[in-house]
Amino acid sequence: MKKNSILKAFGILPLALFILPAFAQSQAGDNINFDKKAIIASAKAAPDAASMEDLKTMSKKAFENFSKNFKGATDIHISNKNKEIFVYFQQDGIANRVGYDKKGNWHHRIRYYGEAQLPADVRKIVKSTFYDYNIFGVTEVTVGNKTAHLVNIEDKTTWKTVKVVDGEMEVMHEYTKG
C-alpha cells in the first residue's frame, strides 16, 4: 500500500492538469495525437516566462539543483507561478518539466516521450497484455522516489491510458473511437 500512497497523495487531478496539454484532439474528434512539444510551447508563450539567467535570481537553490542534475538541457524556459518554479526543457530529445517549491526544493519531474524511449521493462508489461495496441505517447511522472509511467495506447476502436508503477499496471482511462 505504501508504494501507491505517494502517487495517491500527488493526486489524479494534478496529473491530469500536467498531462492534458500534451494531447490534442482533431477537429473531427476521432483521433488523439501525442504532442510532446506542447509543454515547451506553452512555457514559451507564458507571459511570465523567464530564462536560465532569471532562475538564479528566483532561487539560487533551484538554479544549483537544475544545473547539477540536468546537464545538457536545451530549449530551457522557466515559469514562476503561484510561488512555484517550473523549468521546461529538452534533454536527449525528451520534453521535460521540473518543479521546485518557493524555497527551491525539487518536488517533481515530468517527461514526455514516445515508445522508443520507454524503458524495456515497462514496455514489456504493457505489450504483454495489449500486444495489438500501438503505443503513441508516454508521460513519466516522478515524485519523490516513485515513478509512474502513463502509457497511451490505441487500436482500431479504442484509446487507453495505462499506468505502470513498480511493475504493476492498471487501466486509468478508456475511450471508444467515434
Protein backbone atom coordinates (compact mmCIF):
# COMPACT_ATOMS: atom_id res chain seq x y z
CA MET A 1 0.00 0.00 0.00
CA LYS A 2 2.84 2.41 0.74
CA LYS A 3 4.05 2.31 -2.85
CA ASN A 4 0.81 3.83 -4.10
CA SER A 5 0.46 6.35 -1.27
CA ILE A 6 2.90 8.85 -2.77
CA LEU A 7 1.15 8.81 -6.13
CA LYS A 8 -2.26 8.99 -4.47
CA ALA A 9 -1.03 11.91 -2.39
CA PHE A 10 0.09 13.61 -5.59
CA GLY A 11 -3.44 13.00 -6.84
CA ILE A 12 -5.14 12.31 -10.11
CA LEU A 13 -6.25 15.92 -10.69
CA PRO A 14 -2.72 17.38 -10.74
CA LEU A 15 -1.63 14.54 -13.02
CA ALA A 16 -4.45 15.32 -15.40
CA LEU A 17 -3.54 19.01 -15.42
CA PHE A 18 0.04 18.17 -16.39
CA ILE A 19 -0.94 15.58 -18.99
CA LEU A 20 -3.82 17.27 -20.81
CA PRO A 21 -1.69 19.93 -22.54
CA ALA A 22 0.33 17.15 -24.16
CA PHE A 23 -2.66 15.82 -26.11
CA ALA A 24 -4.58 17.38 -28.93
CA GLN A 25 -7.84 16.12 -30.35
CA SER A 26 -8.53 16.66 -34.02
CA GLN A 27 -11.49 18.82 -35.09
CA ALA A 28 -13.31 15.69 -36.19
CA GLY A 29 -12.86 14.35 -32.66
CA ASP A 30 -11.84 10.93 -33.87
CA ASN A 31 -8.11 10.90 -33.32
CA ILE A 32 -5.97 11.78 -30.33
CA ASN A 33 -2.33 12.54 -31.06
CA PHE A 34 0.57 12.86 -28.67
CA ASP A 35 2.41 16.17 -28.95
CA LYS A 36 5.40 16.24 -26.63
CA LYS A 37 6.31 19.77 -27.75
CA ALA A 38 3.06 21.24 -26.38
CA ILE A 39 4.53 21.71 -22.91
CA ILE A 40 7.60 23.54 -24.20
CA ALA A 41 5.41 25.70 -26.45
CA SER A 42 3.15 26.61 -23.54
CA ALA A 43 6.18 27.65 -21.48
CA LYS A 44 7.45 29.91 -24.28
CA ALA A 45 4.05 31.57 -24.57
CA ALA A 46 3.63 32.20 -20.84
CA PRO A 47 3.61 35.90 -20.05
CA ASP A 48 5.94 35.36 -17.10
CA ALA A 49 8.40 33.13 -18.96
CA ALA A 50 12.00 33.62 -17.90
CA SER A 51 15.41 32.33 -18.90
CA MET A 52 18.21 30.50 -17.10
CA GLU A 53 19.69 33.82 -16.10
CA ASP A 54 16.50 34.61 -14.19
CA LEU A 55 16.40 31.23 -12.41
CA LYS A 56 19.43 32.09 -10.28
CA THR A 57 17.71 35.30 -9.20
CA MET A 58 14.45 33.46 -8.41
CA SER A 59 16.12 30.73 -6.39
CA LYS A 60 19.81 30.02 -6.03
CA LYS A 61 18.99 26.53 -4.68
CA ALA A 62 16.76 25.65 -7.67
CA PHE A 63 19.41 27.02 -10.06
CA GLU A 64 22.13 24.87 -8.46
CA ASN A 65 19.90 21.77 -8.43
CA PHE A 66 18.92 22.21 -12.06
CA SER A 67 22.47 22.97 -13.21
CA LYS A 68 23.80 19.89 -11.42
CA ASN A 69 21.09 17.39 -12.38
CA PHE A 70 20.18 18.41 -15.93
CA LYS A 71 23.45 18.95 -17.75
CA GLY A 72 22.98 19.14 -21.47
CA ALA A 73 19.46 20.56 -21.21
CA THR A 74 18.42 22.72 -24.15
CA ASP A 75 15.49 24.96 -25.05
CA ILE A 76 15.18 25.98 -21.39
CA HIS A 77 12.25 28.11 -20.26
CA ILE A 78 11.36 28.99 -16.69
CA SER A 79 7.99 29.95 -15.30
CA ASN A 80 7.29 31.26 -11.82
CA LYS A 81 3.65 30.64 -10.90
CA ASN A 82 1.94 30.58 -7.52
CA LYS A 83 5.31 30.74 -5.74
CA GLU A 84 6.50 27.64 -7.57
CA ILE A 85 9.19 27.49 -10.23
CA PHE A 86 8.72 25.28 -13.28
CA VAL A 87 11.58 24.61 -15.66
CA TYR A 88 10.64 23.35 -19.12
CA PHE A 89 13.40 21.93 -21.28
CA GLN A 90 14.57 19.31 -23.75
CA GLN A 91 17.12 16.69 -22.80
CA ASP A 92 18.20 13.91 -25.14
CA GLY A 93 15.20 14.66 -27.37
CA ILE A 94 12.72 14.33 -24.50
CA ALA A 95 10.47 17.17 -23.31
CA ASN A 96 10.76 17.70 -19.54
CA ARG A 97 9.11 19.75 -16.82
CA VAL A 98 10.72 20.04 -13.39
CA GLY A 99 9.03 21.72 -10.45
CA TYR A 100 10.59 23.46 -7.46
CA ASP A 101 8.82 24.89 -4.41
CA LYS A 102 9.22 28.50 -3.26
CA LYS A 103 12.35 27.52 -1.28
CA GLY A 104 13.97 25.96 -4.35
CA ASN A 105 13.40 22.32 -3.32
CA TRP A 106 12.75 19.88 -6.17
CA HIS A 107 9.31 18.28 -5.94
CA HIS A 108 8.56 16.59 -9.27
CA ARG A 109 9.69 15.80 -12.78
CA ILE A 110 7.50 15.04 -15.77
CA ARG A 111 8.88 13.70 -19.04
CA TYR A 112 7.04 13.29 -22.35
CA TYR A 113 8.26 10.85 -24.99
CA GLY A 114 7.37 8.06 -27.38
CA GLU A 115 7.66 4.30 -27.40
CA ALA A 116 11.32 4.33 -28.42
CA GLN A 117 12.34 5.94 -25.10
CA LEU A 118 10.06 3.81 -22.92
CA PRO A 119 12.08 1.57 -20.57
CA ALA A 120 12.08 -2.03 -21.85
CA ASP A 121 10.59 -3.48 -18.67
CA VAL A 122 7.63 -1.07 -18.78
CA ARG A 123 7.11 -1.69 -22.49
CA LYS A 124 7.10 -5.45 -21.87
CA ILE A 125 4.43 -5.12 -19.16
CA VAL A 126 2.18 -3.06 -21.44
CA LYS A 127 2.73 -5.12 -24.60
CA SER A 128 2.24 -8.44 -22.77
CA THR A 129 -1.41 -7.51 -22.22
CA PHE A 130 -2.03 -5.03 -25.05
CA TYR A 131 0.09 -6.67 -27.76
CA ASP A 132 -2.15 -5.45 -30.64
CA TYR A 133 -2.08 -1.83 -29.46
CA ASN A 134 0.15 0.97 -30.72
CA ILE A 135 1.99 3.00 -28.06
CA PHE A 136 1.68 6.63 -29.13
CA GLY A 137 2.89 8.59 -26.13
CA VAL A 138 4.28 8.28 -22.62
CA THR A 139 4.08 10.66 -19.69
CA GLU A 140 6.57 9.73 -16.98
CA VAL A 141 5.86 11.32 -13.59
CA THR A 142 8.43 11.20 -10.77
CA VAL A 143 7.52 12.41 -7.28
CA GLY A 144 9.99 11.66 -4.53
CA ASN A 145 11.50 8.27 -5.30
CA LYS A 146 8.42 6.92 -7.13
CA THR A 147 7.95 6.94 -10.88
CA ALA A 148 4.71 6.30 -12.74
CA HIS A 149 4.58 5.70 -16.48
CA LEU A 150 1.30 6.77 -18.08
CA VAL A 151 1.33 4.96 -21.41
CA ASN A 152 -1.12 5.99 -24.13
CA ILE A 153 -2.13 3.15 -26.41
CA GLU A 154 -4.62 2.67 -29.21
CA ASP A 155 -6.02 0.07 -31.53
CA LYS A 156 -8.61 0.48 -34.30
CA THR A 157 -11.52 1.10 -31.93
CA THR A 158 -10.17 2.26 -28.57
CA TRP A 159 -7.72 4.60 -26.90
CA LYS A 160 -6.44 3.86 -23.38
CA THR A 161 -4.10 5.28 -20.80
CA VAL A 162 -2.47 2.63 -18.64
CA LYS A 163 -0.44 3.42 -15.55
CA VAL A 164 2.60 1.33 -14.67
CA VAL A 165 4.12 1.73 -11.20
CA ASP A 166 6.54 -0.74 -9.60
CA GLY A 167 5.80 -3.40 -12.21
CA GLU A 168 2.02 -3.22 -11.73
CA MET A 169 -0.30 -2.00 -14.46
CA GLU A 170 -3.82 -0.62 -14.37
CA VAL A 171 -6.07 0.98 -16.99
CA MET A 172 -6.75 4.56 -15.95
CA HIS A 173 -8.86 5.73 -18.91
CA GLU A 174 -10.53 4.01 -21.83
CA TYR A 175 -12.32 5.67 -24.72
CA THR A 176 -14.13 4.31 -27.74
CA LYS A 177 -13.28 6.00 -31.01
CA GLY A 178 -16.22 7.67 -32.74
